Amino acid sequence: MARVGLGWTNQQLAENAQVAPNTVSNFENGRDIQPSSKQAIERALLSSRQVRFEGANCVCIVDKPSA
């Protein structure tokens, strides 16, 4: 799970994506959610600049850049 790899809680991802925590749970458990909610979650994850999507089922955590 990308959110866990980022160290984010369900609540943090929900807040960043501006969706309900239940929507995040449904998304993570493979349940159907609104396409706009899925896009919002994906945008929130990408905004971390540590996540990239590869193909339909692969989410990769990118190492943090060194300071």
PDB file of N, CA and C in Angstrom:
ATOM      1  N   MET A   1       0.835  -1.177   0.000  1.00  0.00           N
ATOM      2  CA  MET A   1       0.000   0.000   0.000  1.00  0.00           C
ATOM      3  C   MET A   1       0.882   1.243   0.000  1.00  0.00           C
ATOM      4  N   ALA A   2       0.641   2.101  -0.943  1.00  0.00           N
ATOM      5  CA  ALA A   2       1.451   3.306  -1.055  1.00  0.00           C
ATOM      6  C   ALA A   2       1.346   4.176   0.186  1.00  0.00           C
ATOM      7  N   ARG A   3       0.152   4.289   0.725  1.00  0.00           N
ATOM      8  CA  ARG A   3      -0.047   5.144   1.898  1.00  0.00           C
ATOM      9  C   ARG A   3       0.814   4.684   3.056  1.00  0.00           C
ATOM     10  N   VAL A   4       0.890   3.376   3.268  1.00  0.00           N
ATOM     11  CA  VAL A   4       1.702   2.830   4.361  1.00  0.00           C
ATOM     12  C   VAL A   4       3.178   3.085   4.076  1.00  0.00           C
ATOM     13  N   GLY A   5       3.584   2.907   2.827  1.00  0.00           N
ATOM     14  CA  GLY A   5       4.966   3.172   2.445  1.00  0.00           C
ATOM     15  C   GLY A   5       5.363   4.613   2.703  1.00  0.00           C
ATOM     16  N   LEU A   6       4.404   5.511   2.613  1.00  0.00           N
ATOM     17  CA  LEU A   6       4.666   6.925   2.888  1.00  0.00           C
ATOM     18  C   LEU A   6       4.616   7.245   4.375  1.00  0.00           C
ATOM     19  N   GLY A   7       4.112   6.298   5.156  1.00  0.00           N
ATOM     20  CA  GLY A   7       3.951   6.551   6.579  1.00  0.00           C
ATOM     21  C   GLY A   7       2.698   7.350   6.891  1.00  0.00           C
ATOM     22  N   TRP A   8       1.745   7.375   5.951  1.00  0.00           N
ATOM     23  CA  TRP A   8       0.500   8.102   6.139  1.00  0.00           C
ATOM     24  C   TRP A   8      -0.553   7.203   6.765  1.00  0.00           C
ATOM     25  N   THR A   9      -1.402   7.784   7.575  1.00  0.00           N
ATOM     26  CA  THR A   9      -2.569   7.069   8.087  1.00  0.00           C
ATOM     27  C   THR A   9      -3.689   7.155   7.053  1.00  0.00           C
ATOM     28  N   ASN A  10      -4.706   6.344   7.263  1.00  0.00           N
ATOM     29  CA  ASN A  10      -5.895   6.405   6.421  1.00  0.00           C
ATOM     30  C   ASN A  10      -6.462   7.822   6.445  1.00  0.00           C
ATOM     31  N   GLN A  11      -6.517   8.411   7.624  1.00  0.00           N
ATOM     32  CA  GLN A  11      -7.059   9.763   7.795  1.00  0.00           C
ATOM     33  C   GLN A  11      -6.232  10.796   7.038  1.00  0.00           C
ATOM     34  N   GLN A  12      -4.907  10.674   7.088  1.00  0.00           N
ATOM     35  CA  GLN A  12      -4.045  11.634   6.382  1.00  0.00           C
ATOM     36  C   GLN A  12      -4.265  11.573   4.875  1.00  0.00           C
ATOM     37  N   LEU A  13      -4.353  10.363   4.329  1.00  0.00           N
ATOM     38  CA  LEU A  13      -4.596  10.248   2.890  1.00  0.00           C
ATOM     39  C   LEU A  13      -5.970  10.808   2.551  1.00  0.00           C
ATOM     40  N   ALA A  14      -6.957  10.499   3.357  1.00  0.00           N
ATOM     41  CA  ALA A  14      -8.309  11.013   3.113  1.00  0.00           C
ATOM     42  C   ALA A  14      -8.308  12.543   3.103  1.00  0.00           C
ATOM     43  N   GLU A  15      -7.628  13.142   4.069  1.00  0.00           N
ATOM     44  CA  GLU A  15      -7.562  14.606   4.126  1.00  0.00           C
ATOM     45  C   GLU A  15      -6.837  15.175   2.914  1.00  0.00           C
ATOM     46  N   ASN A  16      -5.705  14.569   2.542  1.00  0.00           N
ATOM     47  CA  ASN A  16      -4.947  15.050   1.384  1.00  0.00           C
ATOM     48  C   ASN A  16      -5.733  14.909   0.086  1.00  0.00           C
ATOM     49  N   ALA A  17      -6.549  13.868  -0.006  1.00  0.00           N
ATOM     50  CA  ALA A  17      -7.343  13.626  -1.210  1.00  0.00           C
ATOM     51  C   ALA A  17      -8.709  14.299  -1.143  1.00  0.00           C
ATOM     52  N   GLN A  18      -9.059  14.814   0.022  1.00  0.00           N
ATOM     53  CA  GLN A  18     -10.368  15.431   0.250  1.00  0.00           C
ATOM     54  C   GLN A  18     -11.501  14.442  -0.024  1.00  0.00           C
ATOM     55  N   VAL A  19     -11.333  13.236   0.521  1.00  0.00           N
ATOM     56  CA  VAL A  19     -12.368  12.204   0.467  1.00  0.00           C
ATOM     57  C   VAL A  19     -12.566  11.673   1.883  1.00  0.00           C
ATOM     58  N   ALA A  20     -13.589  10.883   2.076  1.00  0.00           N
ATOM     59  CA  ALA A  20     -13.857  10.300   3.388  1.00  0.00           C
ATOM     60  C   ALA A  20     -12.879   9.153   3.666  1.00  0.00           C
ATOM     61  N   PRO A  21     -12.500   8.939   4.920  1.00  0.00           N
ATOM     62  CA  PRO A  21     -11.631   7.809   5.257  1.00  0.00           C
ATOM     63  C   PRO A  21     -12.205   6.473   4.781  1.00  0.00           C
ATOM     64  N   ASN A  22     -13.517   6.331   4.815  1.00  0.00           N
ATOM     65  CA  ASN A  22     -14.160   5.111   4.333  1.00  0.00           C
ATOM     66  C   ASN A  22     -13.898   4.891   2.843  1.00  0.00           C
ATOM     67  N   THR A  23     -13.816   5.978   2.085  1.00  0.00           N
ATOM     68  CA  THR A  23     -13.516   5.888   0.654  1.00  0.00           C
ATOM     69  C   THR A  23     -12.105   5.345   0.449  1.00  0.00           C
ATOM     70  N   VAL A  24     -11.160   5.807   1.262  1.00  0.00           N
ATOM     71  CA  VAL A  24      -9.786   5.294   1.184  1.00  0.00           C
ATOM     72  C   VAL A  24      -9.777   3.797   1.492  1.00  0.00           C
ATOM     73  N   SER A  25     -10.480   3.396   2.530  1.00  0.00           N
ATOM     74  CA  SER A  25     -10.549   1.972   2.881  1.00  0.00           C
ATOM     75  C   SER A  25     -11.143   1.148   1.747  1.00  0.00           C
ATOM     76  N   ASN A  26     -12.212   1.647   1.167  1.00  0.00           N
ATOM     77  CA  ASN A  26     -12.831   0.925   0.047  1.00  0.00           C
ATOM     78  C   ASN A  26     -11.862   0.800  -1.119  1.00  0.00           C
ATOM     79  N   PHE A  27     -11.160   1.869  -1.432  1.00  0.00           N
ATOM     80  CA  PHE A  27     -10.168   1.869  -2.512  1.00  0.00           C
ATOM     81  C   PHE A  27      -9.071   0.831  -2.238  1.00  0.00           C
ATOM     82  N   GLU A  28      -8.561   0.833  -1.018  1.00  0.00           N
ATOM     83  CA  GLU A  28      -7.475  -0.080  -0.666  1.00  0.00           C
ATOM     84  C   GLU A  28      -7.915  -1.540  -0.653  1.00  0.00           C
ATOM     85  N   ASN A  29      -9.200  -1.770  -0.430  1.00  0.00           N
ATOM     86  CA  ASN A  29      -9.720  -3.133  -0.393  1.00  0.00           C
ATOM     87  C   ASN A  29     -10.317  -3.576  -1.722  1.00  0.00           C
ATOM     88  N   GLY A  30     -10.093  -2.781  -2.765  1.00  0.00           N
ATOM     89  CA  GLY A  30     -10.513  -3.171  -4.108  1.00  0.00           C
ATOM     90  C   GLY A  30     -11.993  -3.011  -4.383  1.00  0.00           C
ATOM     91  N   ARG A  31     -12.687  -2.286  -3.530  1.00  0.00           N
ATOM     92  CA  ARG A  31     -14.110  -2.046  -3.760  1.00  0.00           C
ATOM     93  C   ARG A  31     -14.272  -0.889  -4.742  1.00  0.00           C
ATOM     94  N   ASP A  32     -15.411  -0.863  -5.397  1.00  0.00           N
ATOM     95  CA  ASP A  32     -15.693   0.211  -6.341  1.00  0.00           C
ATOM     96  C   ASP A  32     -15.879   1.531  -5.613  1.00  0.00           C
ATOM     97  N   ILE A  33     -15.242   2.567  -6.143  1.00  0.00           N
ATOM     98  CA  ILE A  33     -15.459   3.932  -5.668  1.00  0.00           C
ATOM     99  C   ILE A  33     -15.653   4.813  -6.894  1.00  0.00           C
ATOM    100  N   GLN A  34     -16.127   6.003  -6.665  1.00  0.00           N
ATOM    101  CA  GLN A  34     -16.340   6.942  -7.764  1.00  0.00           C
ATOM    102  C   GLN A  34     -15.012   7.210  -8.475  1.00  0.00           C
ATOM    103  N   PRO A  35     -15.033   7.280  -9.813  1.00  0.00           N
ATOM    104  CA  PRO A  35     -13.799   7.595 -10.540  1.00  0.00           C
ATOM    105  C   PRO A  35     -13.139   8.888 -10.061  1.00  0.00           C
ATOM    106  N   SER A  36     -13.933   9.882  -9.706  1.00  0.00           N
ATOM    107  CA  SER A  36     -13.355  11.149  -9.235  1.00  0.00           C
ATOM    108  C   SER A  36     -12.631  10.962  -7.899  1.00  0.00           C
ATOM    109  N   SER A  37     -13.145  10.067  -7.054  1.00  0.00           N
ATOM    110  CA  SER A  37     -12.480   9.784  -5.774  1.00  0.00           C
ATOM    111  C   SER A  37     -11.175   9.044  -6.011  1.00  0.00           C
ATOM    112  N   LYS A  38     -11.186   8.099  -6.943  1.00  0.00           N
ATOM    113  CA  LYS A  38      -9.958   7.372  -7.274  1.00  0.00           C
ATOM    114  C   LYS A  38      -8.900   8.336  -7.796  1.00  0.00           C
ATOM    115  N   GLN A  39      -9.302   9.234  -8.653  1.00  0.00           N
ATOM    116  CA  GLN A  39      -8.357  10.219  -9.192  1.00  0.00           C
ATOM    117  C   GLN A  39      -7.825  11.124  -8.088  1.00  0.00           C
ATOM    118  N   ALA A  40      -8.674  11.504  -7.148  1.00  0.00           N
ATOM    119  CA  ALA A  40      -8.244  12.370  -6.048  1.00  0.00           C
ATOM    120  C   ALA A  40      -7.226  11.654  -5.168  1.00  0.00           C
ATOM    121  N   ILE A  41      -7.450  10.371  -4.898  1.00  0.00           N
ATOM    122  CA  ILE A  41      -6.506   9.584  -4.094  1.00  0.00           C
ATOM    123  C   ILE A  41      -5.179   9.446  -4.831  1.00  0.00           C
ATOM    124  N   GLU A  42      -5.245   9.147  -6.111  1.00  0.00           N
ATOM    125  CA  GLU A  42      -4.015   9.022  -6.899  1.00  0.00           C
ATOM    126  C   GLU A  42      -3.248  10.341  -6.929  1.00  0.00           C
ATOM    127  N   ARG A  43      -3.949  11.452  -7.099  1.00  0.00           N
ATOM    128  CA  ARG A  43      -3.283  12.771  -7.109  1.00  0.00           C
ATOM    129  C   ARG A  43      -2.624  13.054  -5.762  1.00  0.00           C
ATOM    130  N   ALA A  44      -3.313  12.709  -4.691  1.00  0.00           N
ATOM    131  CA  ALA A  44      -2.748  12.944  -3.351  1.00  0.00           C
ATOM    132  C   ALA A  44      -1.480  12.127  -3.164  1.00  0.00           C
ATOM    133  N   LEU A  45      -1.492  10.878  -3.597  1.00  0.00           N
ATOM    134  CA  LEU A  45      -0.296  10.039  -3.476  1.00  0.00           C
ATOM    135  C   LEU A  45       0.842  10.587  -4.332  1.00  0.00           C
ATOM    136  N   LEU A  46       0.526  10.976  -5.564  1.00  0.00           N
ATOM    137  CA  LEU A  46       1.546  11.526  -6.449  1.00  0.00           C
ATOM    138  C   LEU A  46       2.105  12.845  -5.923  1.00  0.00           C
ATOM    139  N   SER A  47       1.287  13.605  -5.210  1.00  0.00           N
ATOM    140  CA  SER A  47       1.736  14.897  -4.694  1.00  0.00           C
ATOM    141  C   SER A  47       2.846  14.748  -3.664  1.00  0.00           C
ATOM    142  N   SER A  48       2.979  13.551  -3.103  1.00  0.00           N
ATOM    143  CA  SER A  48       4.062  13.293  -2.148  1.00  0.00           C
ATOM    144  C   SER A  48       5.420  13.329  -2.838  1.00  0.00           C
ATOM    145  N   ARG A  49       5.412  13.168  -4.145  1.00  0.00           N
ATOM    146  CA  ARG A  49       6.621  13.089  -4.970  1.00  0.00           C
ATOM    147  C   ARG A  49       7.477  11.884  -4.599  1.00  0.00           C
ATOM    148  N   GLN A  50       6.864  10.906  -3.926  1.00  0.00           N
ATOM    149  CA  GLN A  50       7.563   9.675  -3.560  1.00  0.00           C
ATOM    150  C   GLN A  50       6.873   8.443  -4.133  1.00  0.00           C
ATOM    151  N   VAL A  51       5.793   8.638  -4.866  1.00  0.00           N
ATOM    152  CA  VAL A  51       5.022   7.525  -5.405  1.00  0.00           C
ATOM    153  C   VAL A  51       4.963   7.668  -6.914  1.00  0.00           C
ATOM    154  N   ARG A  52       5.053   6.531  -7.599  1.00  0.00           N
ATOM    155  CA  ARG A  52       4.798   6.528  -9.034  1.00  0.00           C
ATOM    156  C   ARG A  52       3.996   5.274  -9.350  1.00  0.00           C
ATOM    157  N   PHE A  53       3.169   5.372 -10.356  1.00  0.00           N
ATOM    158  CA  PHE A  53       2.352   4.252 -10.791  1.00  0.00           C
ATOM    159  C   PHE A  53       2.984   3.649 -12.031  1.00  0.00           C
ATOM    160  N   GLU A  54       3.099   2.326 -12.046  1.00  0.00           N
ATOM    161  CA  GLU A  54       3.636   1.606 -13.201  1.00  0.00           C
ATOM    162  C   GLU A  54       2.642   0.517 -13.568  1.00  0.00           C
ATOM    163  N   GLY A  55       2.022   0.661 -14.714  1.00  0.00           N
ATOM    164  CA  GLY A  55       1.027  -0.311 -15.120  1.00  0.00           C
ATOM    165  C   GLY A  55      -0.242  -0.161 -14.295  1.00  0.00           C
ATOM    166  N   ALA A  56      -1.111  -1.136 -14.411  1.00  0.00           N
ATOM    167  CA  ALA A  56      -2.413  -1.057 -13.752  1.00  0.00           C
ATOM    168  C   ALA A  56      -2.347  -1.410 -12.273  1.00  0.00           C
ATOM    169  N   ASN A  57      -1.379  -2.231 -11.871  1.00  0.00           N
ATOM    170  CA  ASN A  57      -1.398  -2.756 -10.511  1.00  0.00           C
ATOM    171  C   ASN A  57      -0.131  -2.520  -9.705  1.00  0.00           C
ATOM    172  N   CYS A  58       0.780  -1.723 -10.206  1.00  0.00           N
ATOM    173  CA  CYS A  58       2.046  -1.535  -9.495  1.00  0.00           C
ATOM    174  C   CYS A  58       2.176  -0.094  -9.021  1.00  0.00           C
ATOM    175  N   VAL A  59       2.342   0.040  -7.725  1.00  0.00           N
ATOM    176  CA  VAL A  59       2.620   1.345  -7.136  1.00  0.00           C
ATOM    177  C   VAL A  59       3.998   1.251  -6.518  1.00  0.00           C
ATOM    178  N   CYS A  60       4.883   2.147  -6.895  1.00  0.00           N
ATOM    179  CA  CYS A  60       6.260   2.111  -6.414  1.00  0.00           C
ATOM    180  C   CYS A  60       6.536   3.321  -5.531  1.00  0.00           C
ATOM    181  N   ILE A  61       7.227   3.071  -4.433  1.00  0.00           N
ATOM    182  CA  ILE A  61       7.664   4.135  -3.551  1.00  0.00           C
ATOM    183  C   ILE A  61       9.076   4.518  -3.976  1.00  0.00           C
ATOM    184  N   VAL A  62       9.269   5.777  -4.239  1.00  0.00           N
ATOM    185  CA  VAL A  62      10.563   6.298  -4.674  1.00  0.00           C
ATOM    186  C   VAL A  62      11.298   6.802  -3.451  1.00  0.00           C
ATOM    187  N   ASP A  63      12.581   6.517  -3.368  1.00  0.00           N
ATOM    188  CA  ASP A  63      13.381   7.004  -2.247  1.00  0.00           C
ATOM    189  C   ASP A  63      13.309   8.503  -2.150  1.00  0.00           C
ATOM    190  N   LYS A  64      13.322   9.001  -0.910  1.00  0.00           N
ATOM    191  CA  LYS A  64      13.347  10.448  -0.696  1.00  0.00           C
ATOM    192  C   LYS A  64      14.678  11.002  -1.188  1.00  0.00           C
ATOM    193  N   PRO A  65      14.639  12.140  -1.865  1.00  0.00           N
ATOM    194  CA  PRO A  65      15.910  12.746  -2.266  1.00  0.00           C
ATOM    195  C   PRO A  65      16.723  13.167  -1.046  1.00  0.00           C
ATOM    196  N   SER A  66      18.010  13.072  -1.153  1.00  0.00           N
ATOM    197  CA  SER A  66      18.891  13.489  -0.057  1.00  0.00           C
ATOM    198  C   SER A  66      18.866  15.003   0.057  1.00  0.00           C
ATOM    199  N   ALA A  67      19.004  15.482   1.273  1.00  0.00           N
ATOM    200  CA  ALA A  67      18.985  16.932   1.499  1.00  0.00           C
ATOM    201  C   ALA A  67      20.324  17.550   1.210  1.00  0.00           C
TER     202      ALA A  67
END
